[in-house]
Amino acid sequence: MVASYMQKVKVPSIYGFPVGHSDFNLALPIGVKARINADELKLSILESAVD
């Protein structure tokens, strides 16, 4: 469902990322600059999430 919506709005997106309510999850800051490299399957956080 998410992939279908994101294709319609034509913005970069990733899914299947280990965040959320599971045994293993990573902290994913909201509202910071980030870069998605689809060729390398890489997400880079470009700024600090805290001041």
PDB file of N, CA and C in Angstrom:
ATOM      1  N   MET A   1       0.817  -1.177   0.000  1.00  0.00           N
ATOM      2  CA  MET A   1       0.000   0.000   0.000  1.00  0.00           C
ATOM      3  C   MET A   1       0.876   1.261   0.000  1.00  0.00           C
ATOM      4  N   VAL A   2       1.898   1.287   0.839  1.00  0.00           N
ATOM      5  CA  VAL A   2       2.777   2.454   0.904  1.00  0.00           C
ATOM      6  C   VAL A   2       3.508   2.653  -0.413  1.00  0.00           C
ATOM      7  N   ALA A   3       4.046   1.582  -0.982  1.00  0.00           N
ATOM      8  CA  ALA A   3       4.774   1.689  -2.256  1.00  0.00           C
ATOM      9  C   ALA A   3       3.870   2.230  -3.352  1.00  0.00           C
ATOM     10  N   SER A   4       2.639   1.788  -3.404  1.00  0.00           N
ATOM     11  CA  SER A   4       1.692   2.260  -4.410  1.00  0.00           C
ATOM     12  C   SER A   4       1.444   3.762  -4.270  1.00  0.00           C
ATOM     13  N   TYR A   5       1.250   4.227  -3.043  1.00  0.00           N
ATOM     14  CA  TYR A   5       1.016   5.652  -2.803  1.00  0.00           C
ATOM     15  C   TYR A   5       2.245   6.478  -3.164  1.00  0.00           C
ATOM     16  N   MET A   6       3.416   6.029  -2.743  1.00  0.00           N
ATOM     17  CA  MET A   6       4.635   6.800  -2.982  1.00  0.00           C
ATOM     18  C   MET A   6       4.954   6.898  -4.474  1.00  0.00           C
ATOM     19  N   GLN A   7       4.623   5.900  -5.251  1.00  0.00           N
ATOM     20  CA  GLN A   7       4.827   5.978  -6.697  1.00  0.00           C
ATOM     21  C   GLN A   7       3.943   7.064  -7.303  1.00  0.00           C
ATOM     22  N   LYS A   8       2.766   7.227  -6.776  1.00  0.00           N
ATOM     23  CA  LYS A   8       1.840   8.242  -7.288  1.00  0.00           C
ATOM     24  C   LYS A   8       2.317   9.657  -6.993  1.00  0.00           C
ATOM     25  N   VAL A   9       2.887   9.886  -5.818  1.00  0.00           N
ATOM     26  CA  VAL A   9       3.321  11.234  -5.448  1.00  0.00           C
ATOM     27  C   VAL A   9       4.738  11.538  -5.927  1.00  0.00           C
ATOM     28  N   LYS A  10       5.439  10.532  -6.415  1.00  0.00           N
ATOM     29  CA  LYS A  10       6.760  10.678  -7.030  1.00  0.00           C
ATOM     30  C   LYS A  10       7.785  11.362  -6.123  1.00  0.00           C
ATOM     31  N   VAL A  11       7.926  10.832  -4.920  1.00  0.00           N
ATOM     32  CA  VAL A  11       8.967  11.284  -4.009  1.00  0.00           C
ATOM     33  C   VAL A  11       9.794  10.067  -3.591  1.00  0.00           C
ATOM     34  N   PRO A  12      11.067  10.283  -3.264  1.00  0.00           N
ATOM     35  CA  PRO A  12      11.890   9.144  -2.838  1.00  0.00           C
ATOM     36  C   PRO A  12      11.335   8.515  -1.566  1.00  0.00           C
ATOM     37  N   SER A  13      11.417   7.219  -1.481  1.00  0.00           N
ATOM     38  CA  SER A  13      10.939   6.526  -0.284  1.00  0.00           C
ATOM     39  C   SER A  13      11.657   5.195  -0.131  1.00  0.00           C
ATOM     40  N   ILE A  14      11.679   4.706   1.088  1.00  0.00           N
ATOM     41  CA  ILE A  14      12.182   3.368   1.364  1.00  0.00           C
ATOM     42  C   ILE A  14      11.188   2.682   2.289  1.00  0.00           C
ATOM     43  N   TYR A  15      11.122   1.375   2.225  1.00  0.00           N
ATOM     44  CA  TYR A  15      10.265   0.628   3.133  1.00  0.00           C
ATOM     45  C   TYR A  15      10.922  -0.709   3.421  1.00  0.00           C
ATOM     46  N   GLY A  16      10.421  -1.398   4.418  1.00  0.00           N
ATOM     47  CA  GLY A  16      11.052  -2.631   4.860  1.00  0.00           C
ATOM     48  C   GLY A  16      12.262  -2.340   5.755  1.00  0.00           C
ATOM     49  N   PHE A  17      12.360  -1.102   6.233  1.00  0.00           N
ATOM     50  CA  PHE A  17      13.455  -0.650   7.077  1.00  0.00           C
ATOM     51  C   PHE A  17      13.175  -1.096   8.512  1.00  0.00           C
ATOM     52  N   PRO A  18      14.197  -1.532   9.274  1.00  0.00           N
ATOM     53  CA  PRO A  18      13.948  -2.052  10.624  1.00  0.00           C
ATOM     54  C   PRO A  18      13.646  -0.954  11.651  1.00  0.00           C
ATOM     55  N   VAL A  19      12.496  -0.327  11.537  1.00  0.00           N
ATOM     56  CA  VAL A  19      12.040   0.668  12.508  1.00  0.00           C
ATOM     57  C   VAL A  19      10.632   0.296  12.936  1.00  0.00           C
ATOM     58  N   GLY A  20      10.236   0.761  14.086  1.00  0.00           N
ATOM     59  CA  GLY A  20       8.865   0.509  14.514  1.00  0.00           C
ATOM     60  C   GLY A  20       8.797  -0.436  15.693  1.00  0.00           C
ATOM     61  N   HIS A  21       7.744  -1.218  15.738  1.00  0.00           N
ATOM     62  CA  HIS A  21       7.457  -2.091  16.878  1.00  0.00           C
ATOM     63  C   HIS A  21       7.890  -3.518  16.577  1.00  0.00           C
ATOM     64  N   SER A  22       9.179  -3.778  16.747  1.00  0.00           N
ATOM     65  CA  SER A  22       9.692  -5.128  16.539  1.00  0.00           C
ATOM     66  C   SER A  22      10.826  -5.375  17.524  1.00  0.00           C
ATOM     67  N   ASP A  23      11.325  -6.604  17.567  1.00  0.00           N
ATOM     68  CA  ASP A  23      12.406  -6.927  18.500  1.00  0.00           C
ATOM     69  C   ASP A  23      13.665  -6.129  18.194  1.00  0.00           C
ATOM     70  N   PHE A  24      13.996  -5.966  16.931  1.00  0.00           N
ATOM     71  CA  PHE A  24      15.156  -5.172  16.529  1.00  0.00           C
ATOM     72  C   PHE A  24      14.661  -3.985  15.727  1.00  0.00           C
ATOM     73  N   ASN A  25      14.968  -2.785  16.191  1.00  0.00           N
ATOM     74  CA  ASN A  25      14.612  -1.606  15.403  1.00  0.00           C
ATOM     75  C   ASN A  25      15.639  -0.508  15.618  1.00  0.00           C
ATOM     76  N   LEU A  26      15.769   0.341  14.634  1.00  0.00           N
ATOM     77  CA  LEU A  26      16.702   1.456  14.665  1.00  0.00           C
ATOM     78  C   LEU A  26      15.950   2.756  14.893  1.00  0.00           C
ATOM     79  N   ALA A  27      16.603   3.686  15.566  1.00  0.00           N
ATOM     80  CA  ALA A  27      16.010   5.015  15.747  1.00  0.00           C
ATOM     81  C   ALA A  27      16.106   5.765  14.424  1.00  0.00           C
ATOM     82  N   LEU A  28      15.004   6.288  13.967  1.00  0.00           N
ATOM     83  CA  LEU A  28      14.971   7.036  12.719  1.00  0.00           C
ATOM     84  C   LEU A  28      14.459   8.435  13.029  1.00  0.00           C
ATOM     85  N   PRO A  29      15.352   9.434  13.037  1.00  0.00           N
ATOM     86  CA  PRO A  29      14.922  10.792  13.395  1.00  0.00           C
ATOM     87  C   PRO A  29      13.973  11.374  12.349  1.00  0.00           C
ATOM     88  N   ILE A  30      13.016  12.143  12.817  1.00  0.00           N
ATOM     89  CA  ILE A  30      12.039  12.777  11.940  1.00  0.00           C
ATOM     90  C   ILE A  30      12.364  14.265  11.836  1.00  0.00           C
ATOM     91  N   GLY A  31      12.318  14.800  10.622  1.00  0.00           N
ATOM     92  CA  GLY A  31      12.515  16.225  10.419  1.00  0.00           C
ATOM     93  C   GLY A  31      13.957  16.645  10.195  1.00  0.00           C
ATOM     94  N   VAL A  32      14.858  15.683   9.966  1.00  0.00           N
ATOM     95  CA  VAL A  32      16.246  16.031   9.674  1.00  0.00           C
ATOM     96  C   VAL A  32      16.535  15.783   8.192  1.00  0.00           C
ATOM     97  N   LYS A  33      17.574  16.419   7.684  1.00  0.00           N
ATOM     98  CA  LYS A  33      17.974  16.192   6.296  1.00  0.00           C
ATOM     99  C   LYS A  33      18.618  14.821   6.181  1.00  0.00           C
ATOM    100  N   ALA A  34      18.268  14.123   5.105  1.00  0.00           N
ATOM    101  CA  ALA A  34      18.811  12.785   4.867  1.00  0.00           C
ATOM    102  C   ALA A  34      19.003  12.587   3.372  1.00  0.00           C
ATOM    103  N   ARG A  35      19.801  11.590   3.040  1.00  0.00           N
ATOM    104  CA  ARG A  35      20.039  11.260   1.630  1.00  0.00           C
ATOM    105  C   ARG A  35      19.760   9.773   1.427  1.00  0.00           C
ATOM    106  N   ILE A  36      19.012   9.454   0.378  1.00  0.00           N
ATOM    107  CA  ILE A  36      18.751   8.067  -0.001  1.00  0.00           C
ATOM    108  C   ILE A  36      19.558   7.766  -1.249  1.00  0.00           C
ATOM    109  N   ASN A  37      20.385   6.715  -1.202  1.00  0.00           N
ATOM    110  CA  ASN A  37      21.123   6.247  -2.362  1.00  0.00           C
ATOM    111  C   ASN A  37      20.529   4.893  -2.743  1.00  0.00           C
ATOM    112  N   ALA A  38      19.666   4.891  -3.745  1.00  0.00           N
ATOM    113  CA  ALA A  38      18.970   3.669  -4.142  1.00  0.00           C
ATOM    114  C   ALA A  38      19.909   2.651  -4.768  1.00  0.00           C
ATOM    115  N   ASP A  39      20.971   3.125  -5.428  1.00  0.00           N
ATOM    116  CA  ASP A  39      21.919   2.192  -6.051  1.00  0.00           C
ATOM    117  C   ASP A  39      22.668   1.369  -5.010  1.00  0.00           C
ATOM    118  N   GLU A  40      23.011   2.003  -3.895  1.00  0.00           N
ATOM    119  CA  GLU A  40      23.753   1.327  -2.835  1.00  0.00           C
ATOM    120  C   GLU A  40      22.853   0.851  -1.691  1.00  0.00           C
ATOM    121  N   LEU A  41      21.540   1.089  -1.805  1.00  0.00           N
ATOM    122  CA  LEU A  41      20.584   0.746  -0.747  1.00  0.00           C
ATOM    123  C   LEU A  41      21.032   1.342   0.582  1.00  0.00           C
ATOM    124  N   LYS A  42      21.294   2.655   0.561  1.00  0.00           N
ATOM    125  CA  LYS A  42      21.876   3.325   1.714  1.00  0.00           C
ATOM    126  C   LYS A  42      21.075   4.565   2.093  1.00  0.00           C
ATOM    127  N   LEU A  43      20.860   4.746   3.393  1.00  0.00           N
ATOM    128  CA  LEU A  43      20.234   5.957   3.933  1.00  0.00           C
ATOM    129  C   LEU A  43      21.262   6.640   4.812  1.00  0.00           C
ATOM    130  N   SER A  44      21.541   7.910   4.534  1.00  0.00           N
ATOM    131  CA  SER A  44      22.497   8.688   5.325  1.00  0.00           C
ATOM    132  C   SER A  44      21.760   9.838   6.005  1.00  0.00           C
ATOM    133  N   ILE A  45      21.908   9.954   7.309  1.00  0.00           N
ATOM    134  CA  ILE A  45      21.351  11.081   8.060  1.00  0.00           C
ATOM    135  C   ILE A  45      22.399  12.194   7.993  1.00  0.00           C
ATOM    136  N   LEU A  46      22.029  13.376   7.496  1.00  0.00           N
ATOM    137  CA  LEU A  46      22.979  14.435   7.207  1.00  0.00           C
ATOM    138  C   LEU A  46      23.114  15.493   8.300  1.00  0.00           C
ATOM    139  N   GLU A  47      22.263  15.455   9.308  1.00  0.00           N
ATOM    140  CA  GLU A  47      22.370  16.427  10.391  1.00  0.00           C
ATOM    141  C   GLU A  47      21.931  15.797  11.699  1.00  0.00           C
ATOM    142  N   SER A  48      22.296  16.435  12.784  1.00  0.00           N
ATOM    143  CA  SER A  48      21.951  15.934  14.106  1.00  0.00           C
ATOM    144  C   SER A  48      20.449  16.058  14.366  1.00  0.00           C
ATOM    145  N   ALA A  49      19.906  15.105  15.076  1.00  0.00           N
ATOM    146  CA  ALA A  49      18.481  15.138  15.422  1.00  0.00           C
ATOM    147  C   ALA A  49      18.239  15.931  16.700  1.00  0.00           C
ATOM    148  N   VAL A  50      19.301  16.258  17.415  1.00  0.00           N
ATOM    149  CA  VAL A  50      19.171  17.024  18.657  1.00  0.00           C
ATOM    150  C   VAL A  50      20.105  18.232  18.611  1.00  0.00           C
ATOM    151  N   ASP A  51      19.745  19.262  19.346  1.00  0.00           N
ATOM    152  CA  ASP A  51      20.604  20.458  19.419  1.00  0.00           C
ATOM    153  C   ASP A  51      21.590  20.349  20.552  1.00  0.00           C
TER     154      ASP A  51
END
